[in-house]
Amino acid sequence: MINRILDFSVAPARLRVRHRQLLIQRDDEPEQTVPLAELAVVLVAHPQVTYSQAVLSGLASSGGTFVACDRQNLPVGMFLPLVGHFAQAQRFAAQARLSLPTRKRLWRQLVRAKIKAQAETLEELHGTDHGLEKLVPLVRSGDPANVEARAARRYWSRLFVDVDFRRHRENEDQNLLLNYGYAVLRAIVARAICGAGLHPSLGLHHHNRSNAFCLADDLMEPFRPTVDRSVVEYMSTHDAFDHLEASAKQHMIGDLTARYVVDGQQRTLFDTASRLAGSLAEICLGNAEKLELPDW
């Protein structure tokens, strides 16, 4: 299956559907078509992009995700398939019954995987993990000591070799690239969750009544360093910037749709996220105990 990501944030466009194809029309350009079945994520940020109801329904019925962004490329809405699995009702019920001790145990797994990935990212980019690997076994069920935050404080200043860097969504620096990459990653994981027959708002750790994607925010944690590494690599060949340019988006989409060696096999992030979401569904049903997390 082809998983394509389309970004409409640079120029006006008109989106329509004909014969299960997404039609893309731009002024003074030939019409382009993309099969709906090949689309994983469609992001729209430009205010002069128009689309029909058929685009939304066709994308959803094909298993794709639609993300609406503001002019800063921050996601403000996400449209996901309503029916993603033949046993969805059963899995929703099992997911809702998941006990607190189980959710805390699974959160420990996710945090440990995230810190391990951060350590490996620093080791790959800078030759040392700055002690992050030693923090992994300190994460207990539910992470009551907030080892995740301790790791983050050590990680961010080393990642960009900048002691003054802070991870704030509103800052117009590297955070612009991180915001964009995380928005795409969140959509990928949310799509995998729906495909596994789970509800994206029923989180393991994240809980906020105004957040409809708590579970996506949980499961994407181990994948975040993939975005971080992409940002560092892009900045290594570009000067300082104060806006998100098209080349940056192309670079990040290329990395997020690339194949990685996972558990000795070449896999995409889509496949890896689907395996993770599927393993959570099996845990909810009582058929498994551990999440299937990638060994990059």
C-alpha atoms as a PDB file:
ATOM      1  CA  MET A   1       0.000   0.000   0.000  1.00  0.00           C
ATOM      2  CA  ILE A   2       1.281   3.471  -0.922  1.00  0.00           C
ATOM      3  CA  ASN A   3       1.049   6.046   1.865  1.00  0.00           C
ATOM      4  CA  ARG A   4       1.347   9.549   0.468  1.00  0.00           C
ATOM      5  CA  ILE A   5       1.271  12.870   2.324  1.00  0.00           C
ATOM      6  CA  LEU A   6       0.019  15.941   0.475  1.00  0.00           C
ATOM      7  CA  ASP A   7       0.636  19.439   1.823  1.00  0.00           C
ATOM      8  CA  PHE A   8      -1.400  22.443   0.616  1.00  0.00           C
ATOM      9  CA  SER A   9       0.068  25.460   2.351  1.00  0.00           C
ATOM     10  CA  VAL A  10       2.042  27.369  -0.268  1.00  0.00           C
ATOM     11  CA  ALA A  11      -0.455  28.239  -3.013  1.00  0.00           C
ATOM     12  CA  PRO A  12      -4.228  28.256  -3.683  1.00  0.00           C
ATOM     13  CA  ALA A  13      -5.773  25.048  -4.978  1.00  0.00           C
ATOM     14  CA  ARG A  14      -9.154  23.468  -5.696  1.00  0.00           C
ATOM     15  CA  LEU A  15      -9.674  19.874  -4.600  1.00  0.00           C
ATOM     16  CA  ARG A  16     -12.354  17.624  -6.063  1.00  0.00           C
ATOM     17  CA  VAL A  17     -13.062  13.916  -6.449  1.00  0.00           C
ATOM     18  CA  ARG A  18     -13.779  12.008  -9.653  1.00  0.00           C
ATOM     19  CA  HIS A  19     -13.784   8.225 -10.064  1.00  0.00           C
ATOM     20  CA  ARG A  20     -12.032   7.660  -6.721  1.00  0.00           C
ATOM     21  CA  GLN A  21      -9.286  10.088  -7.721  1.00  0.00           C
ATOM     22  CA  LEU A  22      -8.390  13.330  -5.947  1.00  0.00           C
ATOM     23  CA  LEU A  23      -8.295  16.106  -8.548  1.00  0.00           C
ATOM     24  CA  ILE A  24      -5.919  18.970  -7.803  1.00  0.00           C
ATOM     25  CA  GLN A  25      -6.470  22.166  -9.773  1.00  0.00           C
ATOM     26  CA  ARG A  26      -4.187  25.184  -9.626  1.00  0.00           C
ATOM     27  CA  ASP A  27      -4.220  28.323 -11.759  1.00  0.00           C
ATOM     28  CA  ASP A  28      -2.069  28.071 -14.878  1.00  0.00           C
ATOM     29  CA  GLU A  29      -1.064  24.475 -14.083  1.00  0.00           C
ATOM     30  CA  PRO A  30      -2.221  21.159 -15.526  1.00  0.00           C
ATOM     31  CA  GLU A  31      -4.736  19.235 -13.468  1.00  0.00           C
ATOM     32  CA  GLN A  32      -3.191  16.544 -11.268  1.00  0.00           C
ATOM     33  CA  THR A  33      -4.815  13.358  -9.996  1.00  0.00           C
ATOM     34  CA  VAL A  34      -3.948  11.082  -7.089  1.00  0.00           C
ATOM     35  CA  PRO A  35      -5.836   7.865  -6.208  1.00  0.00           C
ATOM     36  CA  LEU A  36      -7.639   8.292  -2.884  1.00  0.00           C
ATOM     37  CA  ALA A  37      -6.458   4.834  -1.852  1.00  0.00           C
ATOM     38  CA  GLU A  38      -2.841   6.062  -1.913  1.00  0.00           C
ATOM     39  CA  LEU A  39      -3.421   8.999   0.440  1.00  0.00           C
ATOM     40  CA  ALA A  40      -2.521   8.699   4.110  1.00  0.00           C
ATOM     41  CA  VAL A  41      -2.597  12.366   5.147  1.00  0.00           C
ATOM     42  CA  VAL A  42      -3.779  15.576   3.481  1.00  0.00           C
ATOM     43  CA  LEU A  43      -2.718  18.803   5.225  1.00  0.00           C
ATOM     44  CA  VAL A  44      -4.331  22.129   4.343  1.00  0.00           C
ATOM     45  CA  ALA A  45      -3.034  25.453   5.686  1.00  0.00           C
ATOM     46  CA  HIS A  46      -3.394  27.915   2.808  1.00  0.00           C
ATOM     47  CA  PRO A  47      -6.586  29.996   3.238  1.00  0.00           C
ATOM     48  CA  GLN A  48      -7.426  29.783  -0.470  1.00  0.00           C
ATOM     49  CA  VAL A  49      -7.596  26.013  -0.731  1.00  0.00           C
ATOM     50  CA  THR A  50     -11.151  24.851  -1.394  1.00  0.00           C
ATOM     51  CA  TYR A  51     -12.472  21.288  -1.209  1.00  0.00           C
ATOM     52  CA  SER A  52     -15.798  19.559  -1.538  1.00  0.00           C
ATOM     53  CA  GLN A  53     -17.679  17.277   0.809  1.00  0.00           C
ATOM     54  CA  ALA A  54     -16.780  14.461  -1.578  1.00  0.00           C
ATOM     55  CA  VAL A  55     -13.098  15.041  -0.793  1.00  0.00           C
ATOM     56  CA  LEU A  56     -13.639  14.557   2.944  1.00  0.00           C
ATOM     57  CA  SER A  57     -15.944  11.560   2.605  1.00  0.00           C
ATOM     58  CA  GLY A  58     -13.813   9.936  -0.100  1.00  0.00           C
ATOM     59  CA  LEU A  59     -10.620  10.378   1.901  1.00  0.00           C
ATOM     60  CA  ALA A  60     -12.218   8.977   5.064  1.00  0.00           C
ATOM     61  CA  SER A  61     -13.742   5.978   3.311  1.00  0.00           C
ATOM     62  CA  SER A  62     -10.300   5.175   1.892  1.00  0.00           C
ATOM     63  CA  GLY A  63      -8.754   5.289   5.368  1.00  0.00           C
ATOM     64  CA  GLY A  64      -7.017   8.663   4.976  1.00  0.00           C
ATOM     65  CA  THR A  65      -6.722  11.581   7.403  1.00  0.00           C
ATOM     66  CA  PHE A  66      -7.472  15.254   6.730  1.00  0.00           C
ATOM     67  CA  VAL A  67      -5.656  17.864   8.830  1.00  0.00           C
ATOM     68  CA  ALA A  68      -6.618  21.548   8.870  1.00  0.00           C
ATOM     69  CA  CYS A  69      -3.816  23.887   9.935  1.00  0.00           C
ATOM     70  CA  ASP A  70      -3.579  27.607  10.623  1.00  0.00           C
ATOM     71  CA  ARG A  71      -1.104  29.944   8.909  1.00  0.00           C
ATOM     72  CA  GLN A  72       1.601  28.890  11.377  1.00  0.00           C
ATOM     73  CA  ASN A  73       1.062  25.288  10.223  1.00  0.00           C
ATOM     74  CA  LEU A  74      -0.277  24.292  13.619  1.00  0.00           C
ATOM     75  CA  PRO A  75      -3.095  21.717  13.460  1.00  0.00           C
ATOM     76  CA  VAL A  76      -6.470  23.059  14.513  1.00  0.00           C
ATOM     77  CA  GLY A  77      -8.608  20.148  13.339  1.00  0.00           C
ATOM     78  CA  MET A  78      -8.368  16.548  12.201  1.00  0.00           C
ATOM     79  CA  PHE A  79     -10.888  14.478  10.238  1.00  0.00           C
ATOM     80  CA  LEU A  80     -10.565  10.709  10.668  1.00  0.00           C
ATOM     81  CA  PRO A  81     -12.468   7.656   9.384  1.00  0.00           C
ATOM     82  CA  LEU A  82     -15.480   6.846  11.571  1.00  0.00           C
ATOM     83  CA  VAL A  83     -15.315   3.120  10.857  1.00  0.00           C
ATOM     84  CA  GLY A  84     -11.801   1.739  10.796  1.00  0.00           C
ATOM     85  CA  HIS A  85     -12.227  -1.895  11.818  1.00  0.00           C
ATOM     86  CA  PHE A  86     -14.880  -4.595  11.496  1.00  0.00           C
ATOM     87  CA  ALA A  87     -14.911  -5.183  15.293  1.00  0.00           C
ATOM     88  CA  GLN A  88     -14.741  -1.526  16.255  1.00  0.00           C
ATOM     89  CA  ALA A  89     -17.579  -1.508  18.824  1.00  0.00           C
ATOM     90  CA  GLN A  90     -16.081  -4.470  20.671  1.00  0.00           C
ATOM     91  CA  ARG A  91     -12.664  -2.830  20.755  1.00  0.00           C
ATOM     92  CA  PHE A  92     -14.043   0.532  21.911  1.00  0.00           C
ATOM     93  CA  ALA A  93     -15.666  -1.221  24.874  1.00  0.00           C
ATOM     94  CA  ALA A  94     -12.519  -3.187  25.722  1.00  0.00           C
ATOM     95  CA  GLN A  95     -10.411  -0.040  25.450  1.00  0.00           C
ATOM     96  CA  ALA A  96     -12.715   1.846  27.829  1.00  0.00           C
ATOM     97  CA  ARG A  97     -12.444  -0.989  30.392  1.00  0.00           C
ATOM     98  CA  LEU A  98      -8.630  -0.941  30.446  1.00  0.00           C
ATOM     99  CA  SER A  99      -7.584  -0.754  34.106  1.00  0.00           C
ATOM    100  CA  LEU A 100      -5.537   2.089  35.561  1.00  0.00           C
ATOM    101  CA  PRO A 101      -2.627  -0.200  36.570  1.00  0.00           C
ATOM    102  CA  THR A 102      -2.475  -1.517  32.999  1.00  0.00           C
ATOM    103  CA  ARG A 103      -2.521   1.977  31.526  1.00  0.00           C
ATOM    104  CA  LYS A 104       0.272   3.039  33.879  1.00  0.00           C
ATOM    105  CA  ARG A 105       2.323  -0.023  32.924  1.00  0.00           C
ATOM    106  CA  LEU A 106       1.893   0.731  29.223  1.00  0.00           C
ATOM    107  CA  TRP A 107       2.829   4.373  29.754  1.00  0.00           C
ATOM    108  CA  ARG A 108       6.071   3.188  31.375  1.00  0.00           C
ATOM    109  CA  GLN A 109       6.800   1.210  28.218  1.00  0.00           C
ATOM    110  CA  LEU A 110       6.179   4.235  26.005  1.00  0.00           C
ATOM    111  CA  VAL A 111       8.291   6.610  28.101  1.00  0.00           C
ATOM    112  CA  ARG A 112      11.174   4.152  28.263  1.00  0.00           C
ATOM    113  CA  ALA A 113      11.035   3.710  24.483  1.00  0.00           C
ATOM    114  CA  LYS A 114      10.958   7.476  23.973  1.00  0.00           C
ATOM    115  CA  ILE A 115      13.978   8.153  26.195  1.00  0.00           C
ATOM    116  CA  LYS A 116      15.857   5.267  24.590  1.00  0.00           C
ATOM    117  CA  ALA A 117      15.137   6.756  21.149  1.00  0.00           C
ATOM    118  CA  GLN A 118      16.271  10.186  22.352  1.00  0.00           C
ATOM    119  CA  ALA A 119      19.508   8.669  23.666  1.00  0.00           C
ATOM    120  CA  GLU A 120      20.144   6.916  20.361  1.00  0.00           C
ATOM    121  CA  THR A 121      19.431  10.136  18.457  1.00  0.00           C
ATOM    122  CA  LEU A 122      21.997  12.082  20.490  1.00  0.00           C
ATOM    123  CA  GLU A 123      24.510   9.248  20.111  1.00  0.00           C
ATOM    124  CA  GLU A 124      24.015   9.208  16.341  1.00  0.00           C
ATOM    125  CA  LEU A 125      24.173  12.977  15.880  1.00  0.00           C
ATOM    126  CA  HIS A 126      26.748  13.993  18.493  1.00  0.00           C
ATOM    127  CA  GLY A 127      28.620  10.852  19.515  1.00  0.00           C
ATOM    128  CA  THR A 128      27.252  10.651  23.076  1.00  0.00           C
ATOM    129  CA  ASP A 129      23.853  10.133  24.672  1.00  0.00           C
ATOM    130  CA  HIS A 130      24.699  12.554  27.533  1.00  0.00           C
ATOM    131  CA  GLY A 131      23.528  10.033  30.100  1.00  0.00           C
ATOM    132  CA  LEU A 132      19.994   9.518  28.796  1.00  0.00           C
ATOM    133  CA  GLU A 133      20.364   5.735  28.483  1.00  0.00           C
ATOM    134  CA  LYS A 134      20.949   5.542  32.255  1.00  0.00           C
ATOM    135  CA  LEU A 135      17.578   7.198  32.881  1.00  0.00           C
ATOM    136  CA  VAL A 136      15.597   4.492  31.047  1.00  0.00           C
ATOM    137  CA  PRO A 137      15.466   1.920  33.893  1.00  0.00           C
ATOM    138  CA  LEU A 138      14.460   4.670  36.343  1.00  0.00           C
ATOM    139  CA  VAL A 139      11.031   5.008  34.695  1.00  0.00           C
ATOM    140  CA  ARG A 140       8.488   3.190  36.878  1.00  0.00           C
ATOM    141  CA  SER A 141       4.827   2.398  36.264  1.00  0.00           C
ATOM    142  CA  GLY A 142       3.037   5.657  35.461  1.00  0.00           C
ATOM    143  CA  ASP A 143       6.384   7.541  35.666  1.00  0.00           C
ATOM    144  CA  PRO A 144       5.588   9.090  39.088  1.00  0.00           C
ATOM    145  CA  ALA A 145       9.068  10.631  39.321  1.00  0.00           C
ATOM    146  CA  ASN A 146       8.558  12.332  35.927  1.00  0.00           C
ATOM    147  CA  VAL A 147      11.772  10.937  34.485  1.00  0.00           C
ATOM    148  CA  GLU A 148      10.413  11.905  31.061  1.00  0.00           C
ATOM    149  CA  ALA A 149      10.728  15.609  31.967  1.00  0.00           C
ATOM    150  CA  ARG A 150      14.218  15.120  33.389  1.00  0.00           C
ATOM    151  CA  ALA A 151      15.293  13.472  30.161  1.00  0.00           C
ATOM    152  CA  ALA A 152      13.698  16.250  28.095  1.00  0.00           C
ATOM    153  CA  ARG A 153      15.613  18.981  29.909  1.00  0.00           C
ATOM    154  CA  ARG A 154      18.870  17.198  29.170  1.00  0.00           C
ATOM    155  CA  TYR A 155      17.865  16.231  25.627  1.00  0.00           C
ATOM    156  CA  TRP A 156      16.752  19.514  24.051  1.00  0.00           C
ATOM    157  CA  SER A 157      19.819  21.605  24.884  1.00  0.00           C
ATOM    158  CA  ARG A 158      22.112  18.839  23.597  1.00  0.00           C
ATOM    159  CA  LEU A 159      20.069  18.079  20.488  1.00  0.00           C
ATOM    160  CA  PHE A 160      20.520  21.555  18.978  1.00  0.00           C
ATOM    161  CA  VAL A 161      23.770  22.296  20.867  1.00  0.00           C
ATOM    162  CA  ASP A 162      22.045  25.339  22.335  1.00  0.00           C
ATOM    163  CA  VAL A 163      21.668  25.708  26.110  1.00  0.00           C
ATOM    164  CA  ASP A 164      19.060  28.424  25.587  1.00  0.00           C
ATOM    165  CA  PHE A 165      16.726  26.347  23.415  1.00  0.00           C
ATOM    166  CA  ARG A 166      13.272  25.708  24.835  1.00  0.00           C
ATOM    167  CA  ARG A 167      10.533  23.549  23.359  1.00  0.00           C
ATOM    168  CA  HIS A 168       7.695  26.082  23.004  1.00  0.00           C
ATOM    169  CA  ARG A 169       5.153  25.802  20.206  1.00  0.00           C
ATOM    170  CA  GLU A 170       4.880  29.579  19.846  1.00  0.00           C
ATOM    171  CA  ASN A 171       8.594  30.271  19.304  1.00  0.00           C
ATOM    172  CA  GLU A 172       9.630  31.080  15.738  1.00  0.00           C
ATOM    173  CA  ASP A 173      12.807  29.045  15.558  1.00  0.00           C
ATOM    174  CA  GLN A 174      13.379  25.294  15.348  1.00  0.00           C
ATOM    175  CA  ASN A 175       9.980  24.959  17.001  1.00  0.00           C
ATOM    176  CA  LEU A 176       8.338  25.824  13.669  1.00  0.00           C
ATOM    177  CA  LEU A 177       9.809  22.710  12.096  1.00  0.00           C
ATOM    178  CA  LEU A 178       9.050  20.581  15.147  1.00  0.00           C
ATOM    179  CA  ASN A 179       5.419  21.754  15.160  1.00  0.00           C
ATOM    180  CA  TYR A 180       4.986  20.788  11.539  1.00  0.00           C
ATOM    181  CA  GLY A 181       6.684  17.412  11.874  1.00  0.00           C
ATOM    182  CA  TYR A 182       4.719  16.512  14.976  1.00  0.00           C
ATOM    183  CA  ALA A 183       1.453  17.498  13.270  1.00  0.00           C
ATOM    184  CA  VAL A 184       2.160  15.060  10.431  1.00  0.00           C
ATOM    185  CA  LEU A 185       3.319  12.372  12.854  1.00  0.00           C
ATOM    186  CA  ARG A 186       0.180  12.818  14.969  1.00  0.00           C
ATOM    187  CA  ALA A 187      -1.999  12.300  11.922  1.00  0.00           C
ATOM    188  CA  ILE A 188      -0.066   9.141  10.974  1.00  0.00           C
ATOM    189  CA  VAL A 189      -0.522   7.680  14.457  1.00  0.00           C
ATOM    190  CA  ALA A 190      -4.189   8.726  14.694  1.00  0.00           C
ATOM    191  CA  ARG A 191      -4.841   6.975  11.405  1.00  0.00           C
ATOM    192  CA  ALA A 192      -3.171   3.802  12.709  1.00  0.00           C
ATOM    193  CA  ILE A 193      -5.284   3.943  15.869  1.00  0.00           C
ATOM    194  CA  CYS A 194      -8.516   4.126  13.894  1.00  0.00           C
ATOM    195  CA  GLY A 195      -7.331   1.342  11.622  1.00  0.00           C
ATOM    196  CA  ALA A 196      -6.841  -0.872  14.688  1.00  0.00           C
ATOM    197  CA  GLY A 197     -10.434  -0.267  15.787  1.00  0.00           C
ATOM    198  CA  LEU A 198      -9.499   1.932  18.767  1.00  0.00           C
ATOM    199  CA  HIS A 199     -10.785   5.374  19.744  1.00  0.00           C
ATOM    200  CA  PRO A 200      -8.154   8.154  19.552  1.00  0.00           C
ATOM    201  CA  SER A 201      -9.631  10.138  22.466  1.00  0.00           C
ATOM    202  CA  LEU A 202      -9.272   7.368  25.095  1.00  0.00           C
ATOM    203  CA  GLY A 203      -5.680   7.873  26.183  1.00  0.00           C
ATOM    204  CA  LEU A 204      -3.357   5.857  28.378  1.00  0.00           C
ATOM    205  CA  HIS A 205      -1.704   8.859  30.040  1.00  0.00           C
ATOM    206  CA  HIS A 206      -2.781  12.031  28.265  1.00  0.00           C
ATOM    207  CA  HIS A 207      -6.225  13.138  29.378  1.00  0.00           C
ATOM    208  CA  ASN A 208      -7.887  16.398  28.507  1.00  0.00           C
ATOM    209  CA  ARG A 209     -11.570  16.783  27.792  1.00  0.00           C
ATOM    210  CA  SER A 210     -10.793  19.252  25.002  1.00  0.00           C
ATOM    211  CA  ASN A 211      -8.284  16.905  23.310  1.00  0.00           C
ATOM    212  CA  ALA A 212      -9.882  14.401  20.958  1.00  0.00           C
ATOM    213  CA  PHE A 213      -6.549  12.688  20.225  1.00  0.00           C
ATOM    214  CA  CYS A 214      -5.148  11.760  23.634  1.00  0.00           C
ATOM    215  CA  LEU A 215      -4.239   8.236  22.554  1.00  0.00           C
ATOM    216  CA  ALA A 216      -2.445   9.545  19.468  1.00  0.00           C
ATOM    217  CA  ASP A 217      -0.405  11.827  21.728  1.00  0.00           C
ATOM    218  CA  ASP A 218       0.475   8.788  23.862  1.00  0.00           C
ATOM    219  CA  LEU A 219       1.491   6.417  21.092  1.00  0.00           C
ATOM    220  CA  MET A 220       3.465   8.979  19.077  1.00  0.00           C
ATOM    221  CA  GLU A 221       5.955   9.585  21.912  1.00  0.00           C
ATOM    222  CA  PRO A 222       8.546   6.961  20.837  1.00  0.00           C
ATOM    223  CA  PHE A 223       8.408   8.320  17.259  1.00  0.00           C
ATOM    224  CA  ARG A 224       9.104  11.969  18.123  1.00  0.00           C
ATOM    225  CA  PRO A 225      12.911  11.640  17.860  1.00  0.00           C
ATOM    226  CA  THR A 226      12.420  10.736  14.186  1.00  0.00           C
ATOM    227  CA  VAL A 227      11.076  14.255  13.666  1.00  0.00           C
ATOM    228  CA  ASP A 228      13.767  15.765  15.897  1.00  0.00           C
ATOM    229  CA  ARG A 229      16.541  14.131  13.879  1.00  0.00           C
ATOM    230  CA  SER A 230      15.001  15.388  10.645  1.00  0.00           C
ATOM    231  CA  VAL A 231      14.956  18.964  11.990  1.00  0.00           C
ATOM    232  CA  VAL A 232      18.608  18.802  13.028  1.00  0.00           C
ATOM    233  CA  GLU A 233      19.617  17.440   9.632  1.00  0.00           C
ATOM    234  CA  TYR A 234      17.681  20.158   7.804  1.00  0.00           C
ATOM    235  CA  MET A 235      19.160  22.949   9.929  1.00  0.00           C
ATOM    236  CA  SER A 236      22.681  21.643   9.343  1.00  0.00           C
ATOM    237  CA  THR A 237      22.425  22.721   5.701  1.00  0.00           C
ATOM    238  CA  HIS A 238      20.290  25.863   6.056  1.00  0.00           C
ATOM    239  CA  ASP A 239      20.757  29.245   7.658  1.00  0.00           C
ATOM    240  CA  ALA A 240      18.602  30.560  10.479  1.00  0.00           C
ATOM    241  CA  PHE A 241      14.975  31.119   9.494  1.00  0.00           C
ATOM    242  CA  ASP A 242      11.844  32.717  10.901  1.00  0.00           C
ATOM    243  CA  HIS A 243       9.235  30.995   8.735  1.00  0.00           C
ATOM    244  CA  LEU A 244       8.448  27.487   7.557  1.00  0.00           C
ATOM    245  CA  GLU A 245       9.569  27.268   3.942  1.00  0.00           C
ATOM    246  CA  ALA A 246       8.498  24.739   1.334  1.00  0.00           C
ATOM    247  CA  SER A 247      11.900  23.031   1.235  1.00  0.00           C
ATOM    248  CA  ALA A 248      11.677  22.332   4.971  1.00  0.00           C
ATOM    249  CA  LYS A 249       8.280  20.689   4.581  1.00  0.00           C
ATOM    250  CA  GLN A 250       9.486  18.587   1.661  1.00  0.00           C
ATOM    251  CA  HIS A 251      12.494  17.464   3.669  1.00  0.00           C
ATOM    252  CA  MET A 252      10.383  16.410   6.651  1.00  0.00           C
ATOM    253  CA  ILE A 253       7.702  14.683   4.600  1.00  0.00           C
ATOM    254  CA  GLY A 254      10.468  12.790   2.809  1.00  0.00           C
ATOM    255  CA  ASP A 255      11.834  11.563   6.135  1.00  0.00           C
ATOM    256  CA  LEU A 256       8.404  10.673   7.516  1.00  0.00           C
ATOM    257  CA  THR A 257       7.500   8.623   4.453  1.00  0.00           C
ATOM    258  CA  ALA A 258      10.919   6.943   4.136  1.00  0.00           C
ATOM    259  CA  ARG A 259      11.713   3.347   5.019  1.00  0.00           C
ATOM    260  CA  TYR A 260      13.631   2.564   8.189  1.00  0.00           C
ATOM    261  CA  VAL A 261      15.283  -0.603   9.431  1.00  0.00           C
ATOM    262  CA  VAL A 262      13.026  -1.749  12.257  1.00  0.00           C
ATOM    263  CA  ASP A 263      13.636  -5.092  13.989  1.00  0.00           C
ATOM    264  CA  GLY A 264      15.931  -6.037  11.117  1.00  0.00           C
ATOM    265  CA  GLN A 265      13.346  -5.280   8.409  1.00  0.00           C
ATOM    266  CA  GLN A 266      12.642  -2.260   6.220  1.00  0.00           C
ATOM    267  CA  ARG A 267       9.399  -0.643   7.318  1.00  0.00           C
ATOM    268  CA  THR A 268       7.657   2.704   7.036  1.00  0.00           C
ATOM    269  CA  LEU A 269       6.406   4.764   9.960  1.00  0.00           C
ATOM    270  CA  PHE A 270       2.868   3.934   8.816  1.00  0.00           C
ATOM    271  CA  ASP A 271       3.529   0.217   9.167  1.00  0.00           C
ATOM    272  CA  THR A 272       5.335   0.586  12.493  1.00  0.00           C
ATOM    273  CA  ALA A 273       2.586   2.783  13.965  1.00  0.00           C
ATOM    274  CA  SER A 274      -0.045   0.302  12.774  1.00  0.00           C
ATOM    275  CA  ARG A 275       1.778  -2.554  14.498  1.00  0.00           C
ATOM    276  CA  LEU A 276       1.945  -0.531  17.721  1.00  0.00           C
ATOM    277  CA  ALA A 277      -1.762   0.342  17.614  1.00  0.00           C
ATOM    278  CA  GLY A 278      -2.638  -3.252  16.773  1.00  0.00           C
ATOM    279  CA  SER A 279      -0.664  -4.547  19.758  1.00  0.00           C
ATOM    280  CA  LEU A 280      -2.558  -2.134  22.028  1.00  0.00           C
ATOM    281  CA  ALA A 281      -5.848  -3.485  20.681  1.00  0.00           C
ATOM    282  CA  GLU A 282      -4.709  -7.012  21.534  1.00  0.00           C
ATOM    283  CA  ILE A 283      -3.833  -5.874  25.064  1.00  0.00           C
ATOM    284  CA  CYS A 284      -7.291  -4.341  25.446  1.00  0.00           C
ATOM    285  CA  LEU A 285      -8.837  -7.659  24.375  1.00  0.00           C
ATOM    286  CA  GLY A 286      -6.696  -9.603  26.832  1.00  0.00           C
ATOM    287  CA  ASN A 287      -4.625 -11.354  24.162  1.00  0.00           C
ATOM    288  CA  ALA A 288      -1.274  -9.680  24.901  1.00  0.00           C
ATOM    289  CA  GLU A 289       0.592  -7.896  27.685  1.00  0.00           C
ATOM    290  CA  LYS A 290       3.187  -5.715  25.978  1.00  0.00           C
ATOM    291  CA  LEU A 291       3.137  -3.085  23.248  1.00  0.00           C
ATOM    292  CA  GLU A 292       4.972  -3.876  20.018  1.00  0.00           C
ATOM    293  CA  LEU A 293       7.467  -1.046  20.067  1.00  0.00           C
ATOM    294  CA  PRO A 294      10.067  -0.594  17.314  1.00  0.00           C
ATOM    295  CA  ASP A 295      13.746  -1.356  17.782  1.00  0.00           C
ATOM    296  CA  TRP A 296      15.192   1.182  15.360  1.00  0.00           C
END
